Amino acid sequence: MESLKQGYRSFADRFLRNSRKPTDMVLIAISMSFLMALVGMGLSSVIMNLPGMPFNTRISSPEEAVTYMDVASLYFGFIGIWLLVLLAIIIPKANRPMLKDILPNRRGNTLWGIIFGLVMGFSLNAICVILSIILGDIGLSFAEFDAVKLLVIFATVLVQSGAEEIIDRQFLYEKLRRRYKSVPFAIVVQAAVFTAMHAFNPGMTIVSVLQIFAVGIIFALFVCYFDGLWAAIFFHTSWNFTQNIIFGCPNSGAVSGYSIFRLDAASYGPFFDPVFGVEGSVGAVAILFAFMILLLVYIKKKDLQPRDLWADMDQPSGAEALPTGSAAEHGGRHFA
């Protein structure tokens, strides 16, 4: 019995952190994330049916979305996840440090972080669309431009993309970071869960799995090394908005009923999948992996250290705690 205790203590010292909580165990944390996603969608229906809400709650699939408010309703249907995750962070005192992920800071949660996310999300997606047009794999025609409608839809896309970010890159990632010493482990697991949450999207293939996994790694790198959850949220929002609302292409297998351009013709090509869209193409995977490598090279060159919300709580018994705002807590650099 004593040898078993010693073996566990050796394992714990090597892989586990003092700040860990029982609910941070990988299978429990993953199960909680999936459960909150499911319950959050149900809560969204309740919120959207409140008196005075303008959304069409009868819309349950992209095929049924015809007007711009139908499209906005589909995206706004993720609002319950926001509420549920924030409650799961605020109510338990032990989780409250996670709030630092979403609050303004001088590193990544800045105006520059937002601009960086918007520009990169638009640019990387638009490159794939433009190359597909040049190669003759897709044909687009102008449909409509209405600034007010686009702003409404953008706000709801922000709700949808942000919900996925806070459940994976804020809640799940930070729970894994609190329990396990390995930063790559936390990054890879949350990316795998993010990918699994898209498993039943129409047209999922091995290529689209790789694309979603890659972007899950990229977003986690923003949070881990740049303290930039805002950058991840606006990158995600811009990516979805660009392909689905600007160019009218499928977004993870779903086509919007309202967009600036209309997709008139589509065929398989290196940067486009007719069912899954840009995200299902080999070219998009290559571009995102190249971007990931550049990001990792930059992190290595600048010797950026992973930020750690739990550094103060992870000190051995009797050890002097690190001061608030220490390098261990804020290892990342700002976007500039």
Protein backbone atom coordinates (compact mmCIF):
# COMPACT_ATOMS: atom_id res chain seq x y z
CA MET A 1 0.00 0.00 0.00
CA GLU A 2 2.81 2.37 0.89
CA SER A 3 4.52 1.68 -2.44
CA LEU A 4 1.27 2.55 -4.26
CA LYS A 5 1.05 5.83 -2.36
CA GLN A 6 4.64 6.62 -3.22
CA GLY A 7 3.98 5.76 -6.87
CA TYR A 8 0.98 8.09 -6.99
CA ARG A 9 2.93 10.87 -5.29
CA SER A 10 5.69 10.44 -7.86
CA PHE A 11 3.14 10.59 -10.69
CA ALA A 12 1.44 13.61 -9.14
CA ASP A 13 4.74 15.46 -8.69
CA ARG A 14 5.64 14.80 -12.31
CA PHE A 15 2.36 15.47 -14.11
CA LEU A 16 -0.14 17.11 -11.75
CA ARG A 17 -0.29 20.53 -10.14
CA ASN A 18 -1.05 21.50 -6.54
CA SER A 19 -3.77 23.88 -7.72
CA ARG A 20 -5.82 21.06 -9.30
CA LYS A 21 -9.46 20.38 -8.50
CA PRO A 22 -11.27 17.02 -8.88
CA THR A 23 -13.47 18.44 -11.66
CA ASP A 24 -10.34 19.36 -13.64
CA MET A 25 -9.65 15.71 -14.45
CA VAL A 26 -9.58 15.45 -18.22
CA LEU A 27 -12.65 13.24 -18.72
CA ILE A 28 -14.73 15.21 -16.21
CA ALA A 29 -13.69 18.57 -17.69
CA ILE A 30 -14.50 17.36 -21.21
CA SER A 31 -17.88 15.96 -20.10
CA MET A 32 -18.71 19.26 -18.39
CA SER A 33 -17.87 21.17 -21.58
CA PHE A 34 -20.13 18.99 -23.75
CA LEU A 35 -22.92 19.15 -21.16
CA MET A 36 -22.73 22.95 -20.97
CA ALA A 37 -22.82 23.16 -24.76
CA LEU A 38 -25.99 21.04 -24.90
CA VAL A 39 -27.74 22.70 -21.96
CA GLY A 40 -26.62 26.11 -23.22
CA MET A 41 -28.36 25.55 -26.55
CA GLY A 42 -31.55 24.67 -24.69
CA LEU A 43 -31.20 27.79 -22.56
CA SER A 44 -30.81 29.80 -25.76
CA SER A 45 -34.28 28.70 -26.87
CA VAL A 46 -35.72 29.99 -23.60
CA ILE A 47 -33.94 33.34 -23.95
CA MET A 48 -34.96 33.77 -27.59
CA ASN A 49 -38.62 33.15 -26.71
CA LEU A 50 -38.70 35.93 -24.12
CA PRO A 51 -41.20 38.72 -24.88
CA GLY A 52 -39.82 41.36 -27.21
CA MET A 53 -37.00 39.23 -28.61
CA PRO A 54 -36.90 39.69 -32.42
CA PHE A 55 -35.49 36.29 -33.34
CA ASN A 56 -37.28 33.54 -35.26
CA THR A 57 -37.20 30.59 -32.88
CA ARG A 58 -38.86 28.28 -35.42
CA ILE A 59 -35.64 28.21 -37.49
CA SER A 60 -33.75 25.04 -36.62
CA SER A 61 -31.45 24.56 -39.61
CA PRO A 62 -29.62 26.72 -42.20
CA GLU A 63 -31.90 25.39 -44.94
CA GLU A 64 -34.86 27.11 -43.25
CA ALA A 65 -33.11 30.49 -42.93
CA VAL A 66 -34.34 32.81 -45.69
CA THR A 67 -34.25 36.35 -44.32
CA TYR A 68 -31.34 38.06 -42.63
CA MET A 69 -33.13 37.76 -39.27
CA ASP A 70 -33.47 34.01 -39.84
CA VAL A 71 -29.70 33.83 -40.27
CA ALA A 72 -29.17 36.06 -37.23
CA SER A 73 -31.47 33.77 -35.23
CA LEU A 74 -29.35 30.72 -36.00
CA TYR A 75 -26.17 32.44 -34.84
CA PHE A 76 -27.79 34.04 -31.79
CA GLY A 77 -28.89 30.55 -30.74
CA PHE A 78 -25.55 30.19 -28.93
CA ILE A 79 -26.25 32.95 -26.38
CA GLY A 80 -27.19 30.43 -23.70
CA ILE A 81 -23.67 28.98 -23.79
CA TRP A 82 -22.28 32.42 -22.95
CA LEU A 83 -24.56 32.70 -19.93
CA LEU A 84 -23.93 29.15 -18.71
CA VAL A 85 -20.13 29.31 -19.03
CA LEU A 86 -19.93 32.70 -17.32
CA LEU A 87 -22.07 31.40 -14.46
CA ALA A 88 -19.83 28.32 -14.19
CA ILE A 89 -16.84 30.66 -13.89
CA ILE A 90 -18.33 33.29 -11.58
CA ILE A 91 -20.29 31.17 -9.07
CA PRO A 92 -17.53 28.74 -7.94
CA LYS A 93 -14.89 30.89 -6.24
CA ALA A 94 -12.12 28.58 -7.44
CA ASN A 95 -13.00 29.32 -11.09
CA ARG A 96 -13.09 33.10 -10.83
CA PRO A 97 -9.48 33.62 -11.97
CA MET A 98 -10.73 32.49 -15.41
CA LEU A 99 -12.46 35.86 -15.69
CA LYS A 100 -9.03 37.37 -16.36
CA ASP A 101 -9.13 35.65 -19.77
CA ILE A 102 -12.03 37.78 -20.97
CA LEU A 103 -11.27 41.09 -19.24
CA PRO A 104 -9.23 43.86 -20.94
CA ASN A 105 -5.49 43.69 -20.43
CA ARG A 106 -2.33 45.22 -21.87
CA ARG A 107 -1.29 42.13 -23.81
CA GLY A 108 -3.85 40.50 -26.10
CA ASN A 109 -7.28 41.70 -24.99
CA THR A 110 -6.80 45.10 -26.59
CA LEU A 111 -8.05 47.00 -29.61
CA TRP A 112 -4.97 45.77 -31.49
CA GLY A 113 -5.85 42.20 -30.53
CA ILE A 114 -9.34 42.68 -31.97
CA ILE A 115 -7.96 44.21 -35.17
CA PHE A 116 -5.39 41.43 -35.51
CA GLY A 117 -8.11 38.78 -35.16
CA LEU A 118 -10.43 40.50 -37.64
CA VAL A 119 -7.69 40.99 -40.24
CA MET A 120 -6.29 37.46 -39.98
CA GLY A 121 -9.71 35.80 -40.04
CA PHE A 122 -10.73 37.76 -43.13
CA SER A 123 -7.38 37.49 -44.94
CA LEU A 124 -6.78 33.75 -44.55
CA ASN A 125 -10.34 32.91 -45.58
CA ALA A 126 -10.48 35.42 -48.44
CA ILE A 127 -7.21 34.06 -49.87
CA CYS A 128 -8.82 30.63 -50.23
CA VAL A 129 -11.98 32.06 -51.81
CA ILE A 130 -10.10 34.29 -54.26
CA LEU A 131 -7.79 31.45 -55.30
CA SER A 132 -10.84 29.23 -55.84
CA ILE A 133 -12.33 31.89 -58.13
CA ILE A 134 -9.06 32.23 -60.06
CA LEU A 135 -8.83 28.46 -60.47
CA GLY A 136 -12.43 28.32 -61.68
CA ASP A 137 -13.66 26.14 -58.83
CA ILE A 138 -16.38 28.56 -57.71
CA GLY A 139 -18.47 31.30 -59.27
CA LEU A 140 -19.90 34.24 -57.33
CA SER A 141 -22.43 36.93 -58.17
CA PHE A 142 -23.39 40.05 -56.23
CA ALA A 143 -26.61 39.67 -54.21
CA GLU A 144 -27.14 42.56 -51.78
CA PHE A 145 -25.30 44.98 -49.50
CA ASP A 146 -27.14 46.42 -46.51
CA ALA A 147 -24.92 47.81 -43.75
CA VAL A 148 -27.55 47.54 -41.01
CA LYS A 149 -28.38 43.93 -41.81
CA LEU A 150 -24.69 43.05 -41.97
CA LEU A 151 -24.01 44.65 -38.58
CA VAL A 152 -26.87 42.69 -37.02
CA ILE A 153 -25.59 39.42 -38.47
CA PHE A 154 -21.98 40.23 -37.51
CA ALA A 155 -23.07 40.77 -33.90
CA THR A 156 -24.81 37.38 -33.84
CA VAL A 157 -21.85 35.63 -35.52
CA LEU A 158 -19.78 37.13 -32.69
CA VAL A 159 -22.17 35.49 -30.22
CA GLN A 160 -21.79 32.10 -31.93
CA SER A 161 -18.01 32.21 -32.40
CA GLY A 162 -17.44 33.69 -28.96
CA ALA A 163 -19.50 30.93 -27.35
CA GLU A 164 -17.26 28.28 -28.87
CA GLU A 165 -14.17 30.18 -27.74
CA ILE A 166 -15.18 30.66 -24.12
CA ILE A 167 -16.24 27.05 -23.69
CA ASP A 168 -13.04 25.64 -25.24
CA ARG A 169 -10.31 28.27 -24.86
CA GLN A 170 -11.51 29.78 -21.58
CA PHE A 171 -13.34 27.13 -19.55
CA LEU A 172 -11.93 23.79 -20.74
CA TYR A 173 -8.39 24.99 -21.46
CA GLU A 174 -8.02 26.70 -18.08
CA LYS A 175 -9.38 23.71 -16.18
CA LEU A 176 -6.79 21.48 -17.87
CA ARG A 177 -4.05 24.04 -17.17
CA ARG A 178 -5.01 24.08 -13.50
CA ARG A 179 -4.61 20.31 -13.18
CA TYR A 180 -1.85 19.27 -15.57
CA LYS A 181 1.69 20.60 -15.82
CA SER A 182 1.92 19.97 -19.55
CA VAL A 183 0.90 23.01 -21.60
CA PRO A 184 0.88 21.05 -24.91
CA PHE A 185 -1.47 18.51 -23.31
CA ALA A 186 -4.03 21.20 -22.46
CA ILE A 187 -3.73 22.78 -25.91
CA VAL A 188 -4.11 19.50 -27.81
CA VAL A 189 -7.00 18.17 -25.70
CA GLN A 190 -9.08 21.34 -26.03
CA ALA A 191 -8.43 21.38 -29.79
CA ALA A 192 -9.58 17.76 -30.02
CA VAL A 193 -12.76 18.58 -28.08
CA PHE A 194 -13.36 21.63 -30.30
CA THR A 195 -13.05 19.33 -33.33
CA ALA A 196 -15.39 16.73 -31.81
CA MET A 197 -18.04 19.41 -31.25
CA HIS A 198 -18.19 19.78 -35.05
CA ALA A 199 -18.34 16.02 -35.68
CA PHE A 200 -21.95 16.01 -36.93
CA ASN A 201 -21.65 19.00 -39.26
CA PRO A 202 -22.69 18.18 -42.87
CA GLY A 203 -19.82 17.07 -45.08
CA MET A 204 -17.20 16.40 -42.39
CA THR A 205 -14.09 14.73 -43.84
CA ILE A 206 -10.56 13.94 -42.68
CA VAL A 207 -9.44 17.21 -44.27
CA SER A 208 -12.04 19.29 -42.43
CA VAL A 209 -11.14 17.51 -39.18
CA LEU A 210 -7.51 18.57 -39.67
CA GLN A 211 -8.58 22.14 -40.44
CA ILE A 212 -10.74 22.49 -37.34
CA PHE A 213 -8.07 20.88 -35.17
CA ALA A 214 -5.41 23.26 -36.54
CA VAL A 215 -7.49 26.35 -35.89
CA GLY A 216 -8.23 25.06 -32.37
CA ILE A 217 -4.47 24.93 -31.74
CA ILE A 218 -3.99 28.44 -33.16
CA PHE A 219 -6.70 29.96 -30.97
CA ALA A 220 -5.25 28.27 -27.88
CA LEU A 221 -1.81 29.69 -28.71
CA PHE A 222 -3.35 33.18 -28.70
CA VAL A 223 -4.72 32.58 -25.20
CA CYS A 224 -1.67 30.74 -23.86
CA TYR A 225 1.15 32.98 -25.09
CA PHE A 226 -0.51 36.34 -25.85
CA ASP A 227 -3.30 36.49 -23.24
CA GLY A 228 -5.48 37.09 -26.27
CA LEU A 229 -8.93 35.52 -25.96
CA TRP A 230 -10.33 38.59 -27.73
CA ALA A 231 -8.03 37.95 -30.70
CA ALA A 232 -9.24 34.34 -30.87
CA ILE A 233 -12.91 35.36 -30.66
CA PHE A 234 -12.62 38.00 -33.40
CA PHE A 235 -10.44 35.76 -35.62
CA HIS A 236 -13.12 33.06 -35.32
CA THR A 237 -15.92 35.58 -35.96
CA SER A 238 -14.18 37.13 -38.95
CA TRP A 239 -13.41 33.72 -40.48
CA ASN A 240 -17.05 32.58 -40.23
CA PHE A 241 -18.49 35.93 -41.33
CA THR A 242 -16.15 36.18 -44.33
CA GLN A 243 -16.95 32.82 -45.87
CA ASN A 244 -20.63 32.61 -44.91
CA ILE A 245 -21.96 36.18 -45.02
CA ILE A 246 -19.55 38.04 -47.32
CA PHE A 247 -18.90 35.34 -49.94
CA GLY A 248 -21.96 33.15 -49.41
CA CYS A 249 -19.90 29.96 -49.12
CA PRO A 250 -20.68 27.06 -46.76
CA ASN A 251 -19.53 27.59 -43.17
CA SER A 252 -18.67 24.18 -41.75
CA GLY A 253 -21.23 22.68 -44.11
CA ALA A 254 -23.96 25.30 -43.58
CA VAL A 255 -24.92 27.87 -46.25
CA SER A 256 -26.35 31.23 -45.15
CA GLY A 257 -29.71 32.39 -46.45
CA TYR A 258 -28.34 35.95 -46.58
CA SER A 259 -24.97 37.09 -47.95
CA ILE A 260 -23.35 39.88 -49.95
CA PHE A 261 -22.33 37.50 -52.73
CA ARG A 262 -24.15 34.40 -53.89
CA LEU A 263 -22.45 31.11 -54.72
CA ASP A 264 -23.59 30.28 -58.26
CA ALA A 265 -21.31 27.35 -59.03
CA ALA A 266 -18.92 25.19 -57.02
CA SER A 267 -16.69 22.20 -57.61
CA TYR A 268 -13.92 20.45 -55.73
CA GLY A 269 -10.60 22.27 -55.82
CA PRO A 270 -7.43 22.71 -53.75
CA PHE A 271 -9.00 25.58 -51.79
CA PHE A 272 -12.69 24.65 -51.79
CA ASP A 273 -15.04 21.82 -50.89
CA PRO A 274 -18.58 22.25 -52.33
CA VAL A 275 -20.18 20.78 -49.19
CA PHE A 276 -17.99 21.99 -46.33
CA GLY A 277 -16.62 25.12 -47.97
CA VAL A 278 -13.14 26.55 -47.57
CA GLU A 279 -12.70 24.65 -44.31
CA GLY A 280 -12.86 21.31 -46.10
CA SER A 281 -10.00 22.06 -48.50
CA VAL A 282 -6.39 20.88 -48.47
CA GLY A 283 -5.30 24.42 -49.30
CA ALA A 284 -6.98 25.89 -46.20
CA VAL A 285 -5.36 23.22 -44.03
CA ALA A 286 -1.95 24.04 -45.54
CA ILE A 287 -2.44 27.79 -45.00
CA LEU A 288 -3.53 27.33 -41.39
CA PHE A 289 -0.68 24.93 -40.57
CA ALA A 290 1.76 27.40 -42.15
CA PHE A 291 0.26 30.19 -40.02
CA MET A 292 0.55 27.96 -36.94
CA ILE A 293 4.21 27.27 -37.67
CA LEU A 294 4.93 30.97 -38.10
CA LEU A 295 3.20 31.65 -34.80
CA LEU A 296 5.26 28.96 -33.05
CA VAL A 297 8.47 30.31 -34.59
CA TYR A 298 7.61 33.79 -33.33
CA ILE A 299 6.87 32.42 -29.85
CA LYS A 300 10.21 30.59 -29.86
CA LYS A 301 12.16 33.57 -31.21
CA LYS A 302 10.71 35.96 -28.64
CA ASP A 303 11.04 33.32 -25.90
CA LEU A 304 7.43 33.84 -24.88
CA GLN A 305 6.40 31.87 -21.81
CA PRO A 306 2.92 30.42 -21.32
CA ARG A 307 0.75 32.59 -19.13
CA ASP A 308 -0.51 30.91 -15.97
CA LEU A 309 -3.62 31.95 -14.06
CA TRP A 310 -2.92 29.36 -11.38
CA ALA A 311 0.70 30.17 -10.53
CA ASP A 312 -0.17 31.71 -7.15
CA MET A 313 -2.23 28.66 -6.18
CA ASP A 314 0.33 26.13 -7.38
CA GLN A 315 3.07 26.83 -4.87
CA PRO A 316 4.17 23.92 -2.65
CA SER A 317 2.93 24.10 0.92
CA GLY A 318 4.87 26.72 2.86
CA ALA A 319 6.39 28.28 -0.26
CA GLU A 320 6.21 32.00 -0.84
CA ALA A 321 3.51 32.80 -3.36
CA LEU A 322 4.35 34.71 -6.49
CA PRO A 323 3.10 38.29 -6.50
CA THR A 324 -0.02 39.15 -8.44
CA GLY A 325 0.79 40.17 -12.01
CA SER A 326 4.04 38.18 -11.98
CA ALA A 327 5.74 36.89 -15.09
CA ALA A 328 4.48 33.41 -14.27
CA GLU A 329 0.87 34.62 -14.48
CA HIS A 330 1.33 36.85 -17.51
CA GLY A 331 3.94 35.13 -19.62
CA GLY A 332 2.56 36.38 -22.93
CA ARG A 333 3.38 39.52 -24.88
CA HIS A 334 0.89 41.97 -26.32
CA PHE A 335 -0.16 42.21 -29.95
CA ALA A 336 1.65 45.16 -31.50
